[in-house]
Every structure is written in C-alpha cells, then in structure tokens.
Amino acid sequence: MGSESIKKDMQIFEASVKKLSSGISQAGSLWTDAKYSELSFAIAELAKQSRDVLVVGERCCGALDKFSQISSEKY
C-alpha cells in the first residue's frame, strides 16, 4: 500500500468526519436537550481523535515516500 492510497483513504475519512460534525451541528438548532449535549460532546471528542489520526497518517505517508525514495537509489 503506497502513500497515495493512504492519502486517498485519509481524505475520505476526513470528509466523513466533517459531514458527521456538520450534520450534528445542524441538528443542534432542533435539539436543545441534555442528550444532544452528550452527543455533541462525543462528536467533538471524535473530531479531536480524528485529527490525531490524520496527523499520524501524514507522518506515515512521509515515511513511506522517504522509504520509496531510498529504496529506488542506485548504489
């Protein structure tokens, strides 16, 4: 699995999390109870963890690209 494949998957993941967050935010205008607050907090936590996943994914892609570059060098 190359870095391009991982980057594509990360973009899909990021778009899904943004869509979920956006949907919950829009529902916030309709819901004003304690359960919405719990859901909103859980989504905020998910967003933070998702950001961590994306940062680690970027590092992984960088490492794969560097490894690929090194492995293609002629000695």
PDB file of N, CA and C in Angstrom:
ATOM      1  N   MET A   1       0.854  -1.178   0.000  1.00  0.00           N
ATOM      2  CA  MET A   1       0.000   0.000   0.000  1.00  0.00           C
ATOM      3  C   MET A   1       0.892   1.230   0.000  1.00  0.00           C
ATOM      4  N   GLY A   2       0.777   2.037  -1.047  1.00  0.00           N
ATOM      5  CA  GLY A   2       1.590   3.235  -1.171  1.00  0.00           C
ATOM      6  C   GLY A   2       0.972   4.415  -0.461  1.00  0.00           C
ATOM      7  N   SER A   3       1.736   5.484  -0.395  1.00  0.00           N
ATOM      8  CA  SER A   3       1.267   6.668   0.322  1.00  0.00           C
ATOM      9  C   SER A   3       0.063   7.314  -0.362  1.00  0.00           C
ATOM     10  N   GLU A   4      -0.027   7.184  -1.691  1.00  0.00           N
ATOM     11  CA  GLU A   4      -1.165   7.776  -2.410  1.00  0.00           C
ATOM     12  C   GLU A   4      -2.474   7.120  -1.976  1.00  0.00           C
ATOM     13  N   SER A   5      -2.444   5.824  -1.803  1.00  0.00           N
ATOM     14  CA  SER A   5      -3.630   5.091  -1.359  1.00  0.00           C
ATOM     15  C   SER A   5      -4.036   5.521   0.055  1.00  0.00           C
ATOM     16  N   ILE A   6      -3.033   5.675   0.916  1.00  0.00           N
ATOM     17  CA  ILE A   6      -3.304   6.103   2.290  1.00  0.00           C
ATOM     18  C   ILE A   6      -3.861   7.522   2.297  1.00  0.00           C
ATOM     19  N   LYS A   7      -3.284   8.399   1.486  1.00  0.00           N
ATOM     20  CA  LYS A   7      -3.763   9.781   1.406  1.00  0.00           C
ATOM     21  C   LYS A   7      -5.214   9.835   0.944  1.00  0.00           C
ATOM     22  N   LYS A   8      -5.562   9.004  -0.035  1.00  0.00           N
ATOM     23  CA  LYS A   8      -6.937   8.950  -0.528  1.00  0.00           C
ATOM     24  C   LYS A   8      -7.881   8.503   0.591  1.00  0.00           C
ATOM     25  N   ASP A   9      -7.487   7.455   1.315  1.00  0.00           N
ATOM     26  CA  ASP A   9      -8.306   6.970   2.425  1.00  0.00           C
ATOM     27  C   ASP A   9      -8.449   8.028   3.520  1.00  0.00           C
ATOM     28  N   MET A  10      -7.376   8.768   3.764  1.00  0.00           N
ATOM     29  CA  MET A  10      -7.423   9.820   4.786  1.00  0.00           C
ATOM     30  C   MET A  10      -8.376  10.937   4.363  1.00  0.00           C
ATOM     31  N   GLN A  11      -8.401  11.268   3.078  1.00  0.00           N
ATOM     32  CA  GLN A  11      -9.317  12.301   2.595  1.00  0.00           C
ATOM     33  C   GLN A  11     -10.765  11.856   2.753  1.00  0.00           C
ATOM     34  N   ILE A  12     -11.035  10.596   2.467  1.00  0.00           N
ATOM     35  CA  ILE A  12     -12.388  10.055   2.632  1.00  0.00           C
ATOM     36  C   ILE A  12     -12.781  10.080   4.106  1.00  0.00           C
ATOM     37  N   PHE A  13     -11.858   9.666   4.968  1.00  0.00           N
ATOM     38  CA  PHE A  13     -12.101   9.668   6.408  1.00  0.00           C
ATOM     39  C   PHE A  13     -12.383  11.080   6.916  1.00  0.00           C
ATOM     40  N   GLU A  14     -11.548  12.026   6.497  1.00  0.00           N
ATOM     41  CA  GLU A  14     -11.713  13.411   6.929  1.00  0.00           C
ATOM     42  C   GLU A  14     -13.057  13.972   6.460  1.00  0.00           C
ATOM     43  N   ALA A  15     -13.432  13.688   5.234  1.00  0.00           N
ATOM     44  CA  ALA A  15     -14.713  14.169   4.700  1.00  0.00           C
ATOM     45  C   ALA A  15     -15.885  13.568   5.477  1.00  0.00           C
ATOM     46  N   SER A  16     -15.768  12.313   5.860  1.00  0.00           N
ATOM     47  CA  SER A  16     -16.832  11.654   6.626  1.00  0.00           C
ATOM     48  C   SER A  16     -17.002  12.281   8.001  1.00  0.00           C
ATOM     49  N   VAL A  17     -15.890  12.558   8.658  1.00  0.00           N
ATOM     50  CA  VAL A  17     -15.953  13.176   9.985  1.00  0.00           C
ATOM     51  C   VAL A  17     -16.536  14.591   9.887  1.00  0.00           C
ATOM     52  N   LYS A  18     -16.123  15.340   8.863  1.00  0.00           N
ATOM     53  CA  LYS A  18     -16.670  16.688   8.678  1.00  0.00           C
ATOM     54  C   LYS A  18     -18.166  16.636   8.409  1.00  0.00           C
ATOM     55  N   LYS A  19     -18.597  15.676   7.604  1.00  0.00           N
ATOM     56  CA  LYS A  19     -20.021  15.539   7.295  1.00  0.00           C
ATOM     57  C   LYS A  19     -20.807  15.205   8.563  1.00  0.00           C
ATOM     58  N   LEU A  20     -20.279  14.312   9.372  1.00  0.00           N
ATOM     59  CA  LEU A  20     -20.929  13.952  10.626  1.00  0.00           C
ATOM     60  C   LEU A  20     -21.020  15.157  11.554  1.00  0.00           C
ATOM     61  N   SER A  21     -19.924  15.876  11.705  1.00  0.00           N
ATOM     62  CA  SER A  21     -19.907  17.065  12.567  1.00  0.00           C
ATOM     63  C   SER A  21     -20.894  18.117  12.082  1.00  0.00           C
ATOM     64  N   SER A  22     -20.936  18.303  10.778  1.00  0.00           N
ATOM     65  CA  SER A  22     -21.849  19.283  10.198  1.00  0.00           C
ATOM     66  C   SER A  22     -23.303  18.884  10.441  1.00  0.00           C
ATOM     67  N   GLY A  23     -23.605  17.615  10.264  1.00  0.00           N
ATOM     68  CA  GLY A  23     -24.968  17.126  10.497  1.00  0.00           C
ATOM     69  C   GLY A  23     -25.405  17.307  11.932  1.00  0.00           C
ATOM     70  N   ILE A  24     -24.497  17.044  12.864  1.00  0.00           N
ATOM     71  CA  ILE A  24     -24.822  17.206  14.278  1.00  0.00           C
ATOM     72  C   ILE A  24     -25.013  18.690  14.597  1.00  0.00           C
ATOM     73  N   SER A  25     -24.189  19.539  14.025  1.00  0.00           N
ATOM     74  CA  SER A  25     -24.327  20.985  14.256  1.00  0.00           C
ATOM     75  C   SER A  25     -25.669  21.492  13.750  1.00  0.00           C
ATOM     76  N   GLN A  26     -26.071  21.020  12.574  1.00  0.00           N
ATOM     77  CA  GLN A  26     -27.360  21.432  12.023  1.00  0.00           C
ATOM     78  C   GLN A  26     -28.514  20.939  12.889  1.00  0.00           C
ATOM     79  N   ALA A  27     -28.381  19.749  13.435  1.00  0.00           N
ATOM     80  CA  ALA A  27     -29.426  19.209  14.300  1.00  0.00           C
ATOM     81  C   ALA A  27     -29.509  19.985  15.614  1.00  0.00           C
ATOM     82  N   GLY A  28     -28.432  20.652  15.978  1.00  0.00           N
ATOM     83  CA  GLY A  28     -28.399  21.410  17.226  1.00  0.00           C
ATOM     84  C   GLY A  28     -29.466  22.490  17.284  1.00  0.00           C
ATOM     85  N   SER A  29     -29.864  23.009  16.141  1.00  0.00           N
ATOM     86  CA  SER A  29     -30.909  24.034  16.141  1.00  0.00           C
ATOM     87  C   SER A  29     -32.270  23.432  16.456  1.00  0.00           C
ATOM     88  N   LEU A  30     -32.389  22.114  16.301  1.00  0.00           N
ATOM     89  CA  LEU A  30     -33.661  21.448  16.584  1.00  0.00           C
ATOM     90  C   LEU A  30     -33.692  20.811  17.971  1.00  0.00           C
ATOM     91  N   TRP A  31     -32.542  20.393  18.439  1.00  0.00           N
ATOM     92  CA  TRP A  31     -32.475  19.697  19.724  1.00  0.00           C
ATOM     93  C   TRP A  31     -31.877  20.612  20.777  1.00  0.00           C
ATOM     94  N   THR A  32     -32.509  20.677  21.907  1.00  0.00           N
ATOM     95  CA  THR A  32     -31.979  21.515  22.986  1.00  0.00           C
ATOM     96  C   THR A  32     -31.923  20.754  24.311  1.00  0.00           C
ATOM     97  N   ASP A  33     -31.972  19.446  24.259  1.00  0.00           N
ATOM     98  CA  ASP A  33     -31.981  18.668  25.491  1.00  0.00           C
ATOM     99  C   ASP A  33     -30.577  18.203  25.886  1.00  0.00           C
ATOM    100  N   ALA A  34     -30.514  17.529  27.017  1.00  0.00           N
ATOM    101  CA  ALA A  34     -29.232  17.058  27.551  1.00  0.00           C
ATOM    102  C   ALA A  34     -28.613  15.980  26.667  1.00  0.00           C
ATOM    103  N   LYS A  35     -29.438  15.164  26.034  1.00  0.00           N
ATOM    104  CA  LYS A  35     -28.910  14.107  25.170  1.00  0.00           C
ATOM    105  C   LYS A  35     -28.151  14.700  23.984  1.00  0.00           C
ATOM    106  N   TYR A  36     -28.637  15.832  23.462  1.00  0.00           N
ATOM    107  CA  TYR A  36     -27.910  16.482  22.372  1.00  0.00           C
ATOM    108  C   TYR A  36     -26.553  16.969  22.861  1.00  0.00           C
ATOM    109  N   SER A  37     -26.523  17.499  24.068  1.00  0.00           N
ATOM    110  CA  SER A  37     -25.249  17.955  24.630  1.00  0.00           C
ATOM    111  C   SER A  37     -24.251  16.807  24.727  1.00  0.00           C
ATOM    112  N   GLU A  38     -24.733  15.649  25.163  1.00  0.00           N
ATOM    113  CA  GLU A  38     -23.861  14.473  25.249  1.00  0.00           C
ATOM    114  C   GLU A  38     -23.357  14.071  23.862  1.00  0.00           C
ATOM    115  N   LEU A  39     -24.272  14.059  22.907  1.00  0.00           N
ATOM    116  CA  LEU A  39     -23.908  13.695  21.543  1.00  0.00           C
ATOM    117  C   LEU A  39     -22.910  14.695  20.961  1.00  0.00           C
ATOM    118  N   SER A  40     -23.154  15.951  21.181  1.00  0.00           N
ATOM    119  CA  SER A  40     -22.269  16.999  20.685  1.00  0.00           C
ATOM    120  C   SER A  40     -20.868  16.855  21.282  1.00  0.00           C
ATOM    121  N   PHE A  41     -20.797  16.571  22.581  1.00  0.00           N
ATOM    122  CA  PHE A  41     -19.508  16.377  23.243  1.00  0.00           C
ATOM    123  C   PHE A  41     -18.787  15.164  22.655  1.00  0.00           C
ATOM    124  N   ALA A  42     -19.528  14.077  22.417  1.00  0.00           N
ATOM    125  CA  ALA A  42     -18.924  12.864  21.860  1.00  0.00           C
ATOM    126  C   ALA A  42     -18.382  13.129  20.462  1.00  0.00           C
ATOM    127  N   ILE A  43     -19.107  13.902  19.670  1.00  0.00           N
ATOM    128  CA  ILE A  43     -18.653  14.220  18.318  1.00  0.00           C
ATOM    129  C   ILE A  43     -17.408  15.109  18.369  1.00  0.00           C
ATOM    130  N   ALA A  44     -17.371  16.034  19.319  1.00  0.00           N
ATOM    131  CA  ALA A  44     -16.184  16.882  19.473  1.00  0.00           C
ATOM    132  C   ALA A  44     -14.963  16.030  19.821  1.00  0.00           C
ATOM    133  N   GLU A  45     -15.143  15.046  20.689  1.00  0.00           N
ATOM    134  CA  GLU A  45     -14.048  14.138  21.047  1.00  0.00           C
ATOM    135  C   GLU A  45     -13.615  13.326  19.826  1.00  0.00           C
ATOM    136  N   LEU A  46     -14.586  12.865  19.061  1.00  0.00           N
ATOM    137  CA  LEU A  46     -14.281  12.121  17.844  1.00  0.00           C
ATOM    138  C   LEU A  46     -13.480  12.989  16.877  1.00  0.00           C
ATOM    139  N   ALA A  47     -13.843  14.243  16.753  1.00  0.00           N
ATOM    140  CA  ALA A  47     -13.119  15.151  15.861  1.00  0.00           C
ATOM    141  C   ALA A  47     -11.670  15.328  16.314  1.00  0.00           C
ATOM    142  N   LYS A  48     -11.456  15.453  17.621  1.00  0.00           N
ATOM    143  CA  LYS A  48     -10.085  15.581  18.129  1.00  0.00           C
ATOM    144  C   LYS A  48      -9.267  14.328  17.821  1.00  0.00           C
ATOM    145  N   GLN A  49      -9.870  13.172  18.064  1.00  0.00           N
ATOM    146  CA  GLN A  49      -9.165  11.918  17.803  1.00  0.00           C
ATOM    147  C   GLN A  49      -8.919  11.733  16.309  1.00  0.00           C
ATOM    148  N   SER A  50      -9.861  12.172  15.502  1.00  0.00           N
ATOM    149  CA  SER A  50      -9.710  12.082  14.048  1.00  0.00           C
ATOM    150  C   SER A  50      -8.546  12.939  13.581  1.00  0.00           C
ATOM    151  N   ARG A  51      -8.393  14.105  14.179  1.00  0.00           N
ATOM    152  CA  ARG A  51      -7.274  14.974  13.822  1.00  0.00           C
ATOM    153  C   ARG A  51      -5.956  14.262  14.123  1.00  0.00           C
ATOM    154  N   ASP A  52      -5.912  13.564  15.257  1.00  0.00           N
ATOM    155  CA  ASP A  52      -4.707  12.807  15.608  1.00  0.00           C
ATOM    156  C   ASP A  52      -4.424  11.717  14.562  1.00  0.00           C
ATOM    157  N   VAL A  53      -5.475  11.044  14.116  1.00  0.00           N
ATOM    158  CA  VAL A  53      -5.319  10.007  13.097  1.00  0.00           C
ATOM    159  C   VAL A  53      -4.755  10.612  11.810  1.00  0.00           C
ATOM    160  N   LEU A  54      -5.267  11.774  11.427  1.00  0.00           N
ATOM    161  CA  LEU A  54      -4.801  12.422  10.200  1.00  0.00           C
ATOM    162  C   LEU A  54      -3.346  12.867  10.310  1.00  0.00           C
ATOM    163  N   VAL A  55      -2.949  13.355  11.469  1.00  0.00           N
ATOM    164  CA  VAL A  55      -1.556  13.767  11.669  1.00  0.00           C
ATOM    165  C   VAL A  55      -0.629  12.552  11.567  1.00  0.00           C
ATOM    166  N   VAL A  56      -1.012  11.473  12.211  1.00  0.00           N
ATOM    167  CA  VAL A  56      -0.194  10.259  12.153  1.00  0.00           C
ATOM    168  C   VAL A  56      -0.182   9.709  10.731  1.00  0.00           C
ATOM    169  N   GLY A  57      -1.297   9.793  10.041  1.00  0.00           N
ATOM    170  CA  GLY A  57      -1.352   9.341   8.655  1.00  0.00           C
ATOM    171  C   GLY A  57      -0.408  10.128   7.767  1.00  0.00           C
ATOM    172  N   GLU A  58      -0.355  11.437   7.978  1.00  0.00           N
ATOM    173  CA  GLU A  58       0.581  12.275   7.204  1.00  0.00           C
ATOM    174  C   GLU A  58       2.027  11.865   7.470  1.00  0.00           C
ATOM    175  N   ARG A  59       2.344  11.595   8.722  1.00  0.00           N
ATOM    176  CA  ARG A  59       3.704  11.150   9.064  1.00  0.00           C
ATOM    177  C   ARG A  59       4.014   9.812   8.389  1.00  0.00           C
ATOM    178  N   CYS A  60       3.039   8.931   8.397  1.00  0.00           N
ATOM    179  CA  CYS A  60       3.197   7.618   7.779  1.00  0.00           C
ATOM    180  C   CYS A  60       3.468   7.775   6.282  1.00  0.00           C
ATOM    181  N   CYS A  61       2.706   8.630   5.636  1.00  0.00           N
ATOM    182  CA  CYS A  61       2.899   8.863   4.198  1.00  0.00           C
ATOM    183  C   CYS A  61       4.277   9.438   3.922  1.00  0.00           C
ATOM    184  N   GLY A  62       4.724  10.344   4.763  1.00  0.00           N
ATOM    185  CA  GLY A  62       6.063  10.906   4.608  1.00  0.00           C
ATOM    186  C   GLY A  62       7.134   9.840   4.737  1.00  0.00           C
ATOM    187  N   ALA A  63       6.945   8.944   5.703  1.00  0.00           N
ATOM    188  CA  ALA A  63       7.914   7.866   5.900  1.00  0.00           C
ATOM    189  C   ALA A  63       7.906   6.905   4.713  1.00  0.00           C
ATOM    190  N   LEU A  64       6.720   6.597   4.199  1.00  0.00           N
ATOM    191  CA  LEU A  64       6.635   5.714   3.034  1.00  0.00           C
ATOM    192  C   LEU A  64       7.294   6.340   1.811  1.00  0.00           C
ATOM    193  N   ASP A  65       7.055   7.630   1.608  1.00  0.00           N
ATOM    194  CA  ASP A  65       7.675   8.316   0.468  1.00  0.00           C
ATOM    195  C   ASP A  65       9.194   8.324   0.593  1.00  0.00           C
ATOM    196  N   LYS A  66       9.679   8.567   1.800  1.00  0.00           N
ATOM    197  CA  LYS A  66      11.128   8.582   2.019  1.00  0.00           C
ATOM    198  C   LYS A  66      11.720   7.184   1.803  1.00  0.00           C
ATOM    199  N   PHE A  67      11.019   6.176   2.320  1.00  0.00           N
ATOM    200  CA  PHE A  67      11.482   4.795   2.136  1.00  0.00           C
ATOM    201  C   PHE A  67      11.522   4.449   0.652  1.00  0.00           C
ATOM    202  N   SER A  68      10.485   4.836  -0.074  1.00  0.00           N
ATOM    203  CA  SER A  68      10.438   4.565  -1.510  1.00  0.00           C
ATOM    204  C   SER A  68      11.591   5.251  -2.235  1.00  0.00           C
ATOM    205  N   GLN A  69      11.867   6.469  -1.848  1.00  0.00           N
ATOM    206  CA  GLN A  69      12.960   7.213  -2.472  1.00  0.00           C
ATOM    207  C   GLN A  69      14.293   6.529  -2.202  1.00  0.00           C
ATOM    208  N   ILE A  70      14.507   6.147  -0.957  1.00  0.00           N
ATOM    209  CA  ILE A  70      15.763   5.482  -0.586  1.00  0.00           C
ATOM    210  C   ILE A  70      15.896   4.132  -1.287  1.00  0.00           C
ATOM    211  N   SER A  71      14.816   3.385  -1.340  1.00  0.00           N
ATOM    212  CA  SER A  71      14.895   2.051  -1.946  1.00  0.00           C
ATOM    213  C   SER A  71      15.117   2.098  -3.446  1.00  0.00           C
ATOM    214  N   SER A  72      14.800   3.223  -4.074  1.00  0.00           N
ATOM    215  CA  SER A  72      14.994   3.324  -5.524  1.00  0.00           C
ATOM    216  C   SER A  72      16.371   3.862  -5.901  1.00  0.00           C
ATOM    217  N   GLU A  73      17.166   4.249  -4.895  1.00  0.00           N
ATOM    218  CA  GLU A  73      18.500   4.768  -5.177  1.00  0.00           C
ATOM    219  C   GLU A  73      19.421   3.645  -5.638  1.00  0.00           C
ATOM    220  N   LYS A  74      20.287   3.980  -6.546  1.00  0.00           N
ATOM    221  CA  LYS A  74      21.257   3.009  -7.067  1.00  0.00           C
ATOM    222  C   LYS A  74      22.573   3.181  -6.330  1.00  0.00           C
ATOM    223  N   TYR A  75      23.152   2.067  -5.933  1.00  0.00           N
ATOM    224  CA  TYR A  75      24.443   2.098  -5.247  1.00  0.00           C
ATOM    225  C   TYR A  75      25.502   1.477  -6.088  1.00  0.00           C
TER     226      TYR A  75
END
